[in-house]
Amino acid sequence: GHIHLDTSFYGDAWRPHIPCTNGFDVRERVAFQARNLSAAAPMAERAKNQLELCIGHGSLAMRSHVMVDGSVGLKHLEVILAICEKYRELIDIQLVAFPQSG
């Protein structure tokens, strides 16, 4: 599977999707995500919950994109690497750098 362990809300409280006001606008999507992330559970907790849900539904491997850019530096990668290490015996996880800001 393909997931974003650092920014996904899968495994956290449900949040409704809010459509863009005038067609798709990436800046509006990024702002929407930032607002939701500020109200969400901590990244490590969300990632752990996501992995437990995926493993519980039979996933044996996944690829996760992880934000690595000027806005977050390596913080997301460091958190997700630590979580992946805890689950390495249960699921094979490939990480891909995702430069969201460009």
N, C-alpha and C. Protein backbone atom coordinates (compact mmCIF):
# COMPACT_ATOMS: atom_id res chain seq x y z
N GLY A 1 0.81 -1.19 0.00
CA GLY A 1 0.00 0.00 0.00
C GLY A 1 0.86 1.25 0.00
N HIS A 2 0.26 2.36 -0.25
CA HIS A 2 0.91 3.68 -0.28
C HIS A 2 0.19 4.54 0.74
N ILE A 3 0.97 5.15 1.63
CA ILE A 3 0.38 5.98 2.68
C ILE A 3 1.37 7.10 3.02
N HIS A 4 0.93 8.06 3.77
CA HIS A 4 1.78 9.13 4.30
C HIS A 4 1.68 9.03 5.81
N LEU A 5 2.57 8.26 6.42
CA LEU A 5 2.50 8.01 7.86
C LEU A 5 2.64 9.29 8.68
N ASP A 6 3.31 10.29 8.15
CA ASP A 6 3.53 11.51 8.93
C ASP A 6 2.38 12.50 8.87
N THR A 7 1.59 12.48 7.81
CA THR A 7 0.55 13.50 7.66
C THR A 7 -0.86 12.95 7.49
N SER A 8 -1.00 11.66 7.37
CA SER A 8 -2.33 11.07 7.19
C SER A 8 -3.12 11.12 8.49
N PHE A 9 -4.43 11.16 8.36
CA PHE A 9 -5.31 11.14 9.53
C PHE A 9 -5.92 9.77 9.75
N TYR A 10 -5.56 8.80 8.92
CA TYR A 10 -6.04 7.43 9.11
C TYR A 10 -5.53 6.96 10.47
N GLY A 11 -6.43 6.55 11.33
CA GLY A 11 -6.04 6.15 12.67
C GLY A 11 -6.21 7.26 13.69
N ASP A 12 -6.73 8.40 13.27
CA ASP A 12 -6.99 9.52 14.16
C ASP A 12 -8.48 9.84 14.10
N ALA A 13 -8.90 10.85 14.81
CA ALA A 13 -10.31 11.26 14.77
C ALA A 13 -10.69 11.64 13.34
N TRP A 14 -11.92 11.32 12.96
CA TRP A 14 -12.40 11.64 11.62
C TRP A 14 -12.52 13.15 11.46
N ARG A 15 -12.09 13.63 10.32
CA ARG A 15 -12.23 15.04 9.98
C ARG A 15 -12.84 15.13 8.59
N PRO A 16 -13.86 15.96 8.42
CA PRO A 16 -14.52 16.04 7.11
C PRO A 16 -13.62 16.71 6.08
N HIS A 17 -13.78 16.28 4.83
CA HIS A 17 -13.08 16.91 3.72
C HIS A 17 -13.79 18.22 3.39
N ILE A 18 -13.04 19.25 3.17
CA ILE A 18 -13.61 20.53 2.76
C ILE A 18 -13.09 20.81 1.35
N PRO A 19 -13.98 20.89 0.36
CA PRO A 19 -13.52 21.12 -1.01
C PRO A 19 -12.91 22.51 -1.19
N CYS A 20 -12.06 22.63 -2.19
CA CYS A 20 -11.48 23.93 -2.53
C CYS A 20 -12.59 24.87 -2.98
N THR A 21 -12.39 26.16 -2.80
CA THR A 21 -13.44 27.12 -3.11
C THR A 21 -13.63 27.36 -4.61
N ASN A 22 -12.54 27.38 -5.38
CA ASN A 22 -12.64 27.64 -6.83
C ASN A 22 -11.84 26.62 -7.61
N GLY A 23 -12.24 25.37 -7.53
CA GLY A 23 -11.46 24.32 -8.18
C GLY A 23 -10.24 23.98 -7.35
N PHE A 24 -9.47 23.02 -7.82
CA PHE A 24 -8.33 22.55 -7.03
C PHE A 24 -7.26 23.63 -6.92
N ASP A 25 -6.78 23.85 -5.71
CA ASP A 25 -5.72 24.82 -5.44
C ASP A 25 -4.78 24.18 -4.42
N VAL A 26 -3.56 23.89 -4.85
CA VAL A 26 -2.63 23.17 -3.97
C VAL A 26 -2.32 23.97 -2.70
N ARG A 27 -2.25 25.29 -2.81
CA ARG A 27 -2.00 26.09 -1.59
C ARG A 27 -3.15 25.96 -0.60
N GLU A 28 -4.36 25.90 -1.11
CA GLU A 28 -5.53 25.73 -0.24
C GLU A 28 -5.50 24.34 0.41
N ARG A 29 -5.10 23.31 -0.34
CA ARG A 29 -5.01 21.95 0.21
C ARG A 29 -3.94 21.88 1.30
N VAL A 30 -2.79 22.51 1.07
CA VAL A 30 -1.71 22.50 2.06
C VAL A 30 -2.15 23.23 3.32
N ALA A 31 -2.86 24.36 3.17
CA ALA A 31 -3.36 25.10 4.34
C ALA A 31 -4.39 24.27 5.10
N PHE A 32 -5.26 23.56 4.38
CA PHE A 32 -6.26 22.69 5.00
C PHE A 32 -5.56 21.60 5.81
N GLN A 33 -4.54 20.99 5.22
CA GLN A 33 -3.80 19.94 5.92
C GLN A 33 -3.11 20.50 7.16
N ALA A 34 -2.52 21.68 7.06
CA ALA A 34 -1.83 22.29 8.20
C ALA A 34 -2.80 22.55 9.34
N ARG A 35 -4.00 23.05 9.03
CA ARG A 35 -5.00 23.29 10.08
C ARG A 35 -5.38 21.98 10.76
N ASN A 36 -5.60 20.95 9.98
CA ASN A 36 -5.99 19.66 10.55
C ASN A 36 -4.86 19.05 11.37
N LEU A 37 -3.63 19.16 10.89
CA LEU A 37 -2.50 18.60 11.63
C LEU A 37 -2.31 19.28 12.98
N SER A 38 -2.60 20.58 13.04
CA SER A 38 -2.42 21.28 14.32
C SER A 38 -3.43 20.81 15.36
N ALA A 39 -4.55 20.25 14.93
CA ALA A 39 -5.58 19.76 15.85
C ALA A 39 -5.51 18.24 16.05
N ALA A 40 -4.65 17.58 15.31
CA ALA A 40 -4.58 16.11 15.33
C ALA A 40 -3.72 15.61 16.49
N ALA A 41 -3.81 14.30 16.71
CA ALA A 41 -2.93 13.64 17.68
C ALA A 41 -1.49 13.80 17.21
N PRO A 42 -0.52 13.65 18.10
CA PRO A 42 0.89 13.75 17.69
C PRO A 42 1.23 12.76 16.57
N MET A 43 2.17 13.15 15.73
CA MET A 43 2.55 12.34 14.57
C MET A 43 2.87 10.90 14.93
N ALA A 44 3.66 10.69 15.97
CA ALA A 44 4.05 9.32 16.36
C ALA A 44 2.83 8.49 16.73
N GLU A 45 1.89 9.08 17.42
CA GLU A 45 0.67 8.36 17.81
C GLU A 45 -0.17 8.01 16.58
N ARG A 46 -0.33 8.97 15.65
CA ARG A 46 -1.10 8.70 14.43
C ARG A 46 -0.43 7.62 13.60
N ALA A 47 0.90 7.68 13.46
CA ALA A 47 1.63 6.68 12.67
C ALA A 47 1.47 5.30 13.29
N LYS A 48 1.60 5.20 14.60
CA LYS A 48 1.43 3.93 15.31
C LYS A 48 0.02 3.39 15.08
N ASN A 49 -0.98 4.24 15.22
CA ASN A 49 -2.37 3.81 15.00
C ASN A 49 -2.58 3.33 13.57
N GLN A 50 -2.00 4.06 12.61
CA GLN A 50 -2.14 3.67 11.21
C GLN A 50 -1.52 2.30 10.95
N LEU A 51 -0.32 2.10 11.48
CA LEU A 51 0.36 0.82 11.28
C LEU A 51 -0.43 -0.32 11.92
N GLU A 52 -0.95 -0.10 13.10
CA GLU A 52 -1.72 -1.16 13.75
C GLU A 52 -3.00 -1.48 12.97
N LEU A 53 -3.65 -0.46 12.42
CA LEU A 53 -4.83 -0.71 11.58
C LEU A 53 -4.44 -1.49 10.32
N CYS A 54 -3.38 -1.06 9.65
CA CYS A 54 -2.95 -1.73 8.42
C CYS A 54 -2.53 -3.17 8.69
N ILE A 55 -1.74 -3.38 9.72
CA ILE A 55 -1.30 -4.74 10.08
C ILE A 55 -2.50 -5.59 10.45
N GLY A 56 -3.43 -5.01 11.20
CA GLY A 56 -4.63 -5.73 11.61
C GLY A 56 -5.51 -6.15 10.44
N HIS A 57 -5.42 -5.40 9.33
CA HIS A 57 -6.19 -5.74 8.13
C HIS A 57 -5.38 -6.57 7.15
N GLY A 58 -4.19 -7.02 7.56
CA GLY A 58 -3.43 -7.96 6.75
C GLY A 58 -2.30 -7.39 5.92
N SER A 59 -2.01 -6.11 6.04
CA SER A 59 -0.89 -5.54 5.27
C SER A 59 0.43 -6.10 5.77
N LEU A 60 1.27 -6.49 4.83
CA LEU A 60 2.60 -7.01 5.15
C LEU A 60 3.70 -6.06 4.71
N ALA A 61 3.36 -5.12 3.82
CA ALA A 61 4.33 -4.17 3.29
C ALA A 61 3.61 -2.90 2.88
N MET A 62 4.33 -1.79 2.94
CA MET A 62 3.77 -0.53 2.47
C MET A 62 4.89 0.42 2.11
N ARG A 63 4.54 1.42 1.33
CA ARG A 63 5.46 2.50 1.00
C ARG A 63 4.84 3.78 1.55
N SER A 64 5.61 4.49 2.36
CA SER A 64 5.13 5.74 2.94
C SER A 64 5.99 6.89 2.44
N HIS A 65 5.32 7.91 1.95
CA HIS A 65 6.00 9.15 1.64
C HIS A 65 6.10 9.93 2.95
N VAL A 66 7.22 10.61 3.16
CA VAL A 66 7.46 11.37 4.39
C VAL A 66 7.98 12.75 3.99
N MET A 67 7.34 13.79 4.52
CA MET A 67 7.76 15.15 4.20
C MET A 67 9.19 15.40 4.66
N VAL A 68 10.01 15.83 3.72
CA VAL A 68 11.40 16.23 3.99
C VAL A 68 11.62 17.49 3.15
N ASP A 69 11.55 18.63 3.79
CA ASP A 69 11.73 19.88 3.05
C ASP A 69 12.10 21.00 4.02
N GLY A 70 12.21 22.20 3.51
CA GLY A 70 12.62 23.33 4.34
C GLY A 70 11.66 23.66 5.46
N SER A 71 10.39 23.29 5.31
CA SER A 71 9.42 23.63 6.35
C SER A 71 9.50 22.73 7.57
N VAL A 72 9.92 21.48 7.38
CA VAL A 72 9.97 20.53 8.51
C VAL A 72 11.36 19.93 8.71
N GLY A 73 12.28 20.19 7.79
CA GLY A 73 13.61 19.60 7.89
C GLY A 73 13.52 18.08 7.90
N LEU A 74 14.20 17.44 8.85
CA LEU A 74 14.20 15.98 8.96
C LEU A 74 13.31 15.48 10.09
N LYS A 75 12.58 16.39 10.74
CA LYS A 75 11.78 16.02 11.91
C LYS A 75 10.81 14.87 11.61
N HIS A 76 10.04 14.98 10.52
CA HIS A 76 9.07 13.93 10.20
C HIS A 76 9.78 12.60 9.96
N LEU A 77 10.88 12.65 9.20
CA LEU A 77 11.63 11.43 8.91
C LEU A 77 12.13 10.77 10.19
N GLU A 78 12.67 11.55 11.09
CA GLU A 78 13.19 11.00 12.34
C GLU A 78 12.09 10.32 13.16
N VAL A 79 10.92 10.95 13.25
CA VAL A 79 9.80 10.36 14.01
C VAL A 79 9.35 9.07 13.35
N ILE A 80 9.17 9.09 12.03
CA ILE A 80 8.67 7.91 11.33
C ILE A 80 9.69 6.78 11.34
N LEU A 81 10.98 7.09 11.22
CA LEU A 81 12.00 6.04 11.31
C LEU A 81 11.94 5.33 12.67
N ALA A 82 11.73 6.08 13.74
CA ALA A 82 11.64 5.47 15.07
C ALA A 82 10.42 4.56 15.18
N ILE A 83 9.29 4.99 14.62
CA ILE A 83 8.08 4.15 14.65
C ILE A 83 8.29 2.91 13.79
N CYS A 84 8.87 3.07 12.61
CA CYS A 84 9.11 1.92 11.72
C CYS A 84 9.98 0.87 12.40
N GLU A 85 10.96 1.31 13.14
CA GLU A 85 11.85 0.38 13.84
C GLU A 85 11.06 -0.50 14.81
N LYS A 86 10.08 0.07 15.48
CA LYS A 86 9.27 -0.69 16.45
C LYS A 86 8.41 -1.75 15.77
N TYR A 87 8.09 -1.55 14.49
CA TYR A 87 7.20 -2.46 13.78
C TYR A 87 7.92 -3.30 12.73
N ARG A 88 9.24 -3.28 12.70
CA ARG A 88 10.00 -3.93 11.62
C ARG A 88 9.79 -5.43 11.53
N GLU A 89 9.42 -6.08 12.62
CA GLU A 89 9.18 -7.52 12.60
C GLU A 89 7.78 -7.86 12.07
N LEU A 90 6.91 -6.85 11.97
CA LEU A 90 5.51 -7.09 11.59
C LEU A 90 5.17 -6.64 10.18
N ILE A 91 5.89 -5.63 9.68
CA ILE A 91 5.56 -5.09 8.36
C ILE A 91 6.82 -4.48 7.74
N ASP A 92 6.96 -4.65 6.42
CA ASP A 92 8.08 -4.08 5.68
C ASP A 92 7.65 -2.70 5.19
N ILE A 93 8.36 -1.67 5.59
CA ILE A 93 7.99 -0.30 5.24
C ILE A 93 9.12 0.36 4.47
N GLN A 94 8.81 0.83 3.27
CA GLN A 94 9.75 1.62 2.48
C GLN A 94 9.38 3.09 2.68
N LEU A 95 10.38 3.94 2.88
CA LEU A 95 10.14 5.37 3.04
C LEU A 95 10.67 6.12 1.83
N VAL A 96 9.89 7.09 1.38
CA VAL A 96 10.24 7.92 0.23
C VAL A 96 10.21 9.37 0.67
N ALA A 97 11.28 10.12 0.40
CA ALA A 97 11.31 11.55 0.72
C ALA A 97 10.27 12.27 -0.13
N PHE A 98 9.48 13.11 0.50
CA PHE A 98 8.40 13.84 -0.17
C PHE A 98 8.60 15.33 0.07
N PRO A 99 9.21 16.06 -0.89
CA PRO A 99 9.45 17.48 -0.71
C PRO A 99 8.19 18.31 -1.00
N GLN A 100 7.28 18.36 -0.05
CA GLN A 100 5.98 19.02 -0.22
C GLN A 100 6.12 20.47 -0.66
N SER A 101 7.11 21.17 -0.13
CA SER A 101 7.25 22.60 -0.42
C SER A 101 7.97 22.88 -1.73
N GLY A 102 8.33 21.87 -2.46
CA GLY A 102 9.00 22.12 -3.72
C GLY A 102 10.13 21.22 -3.88
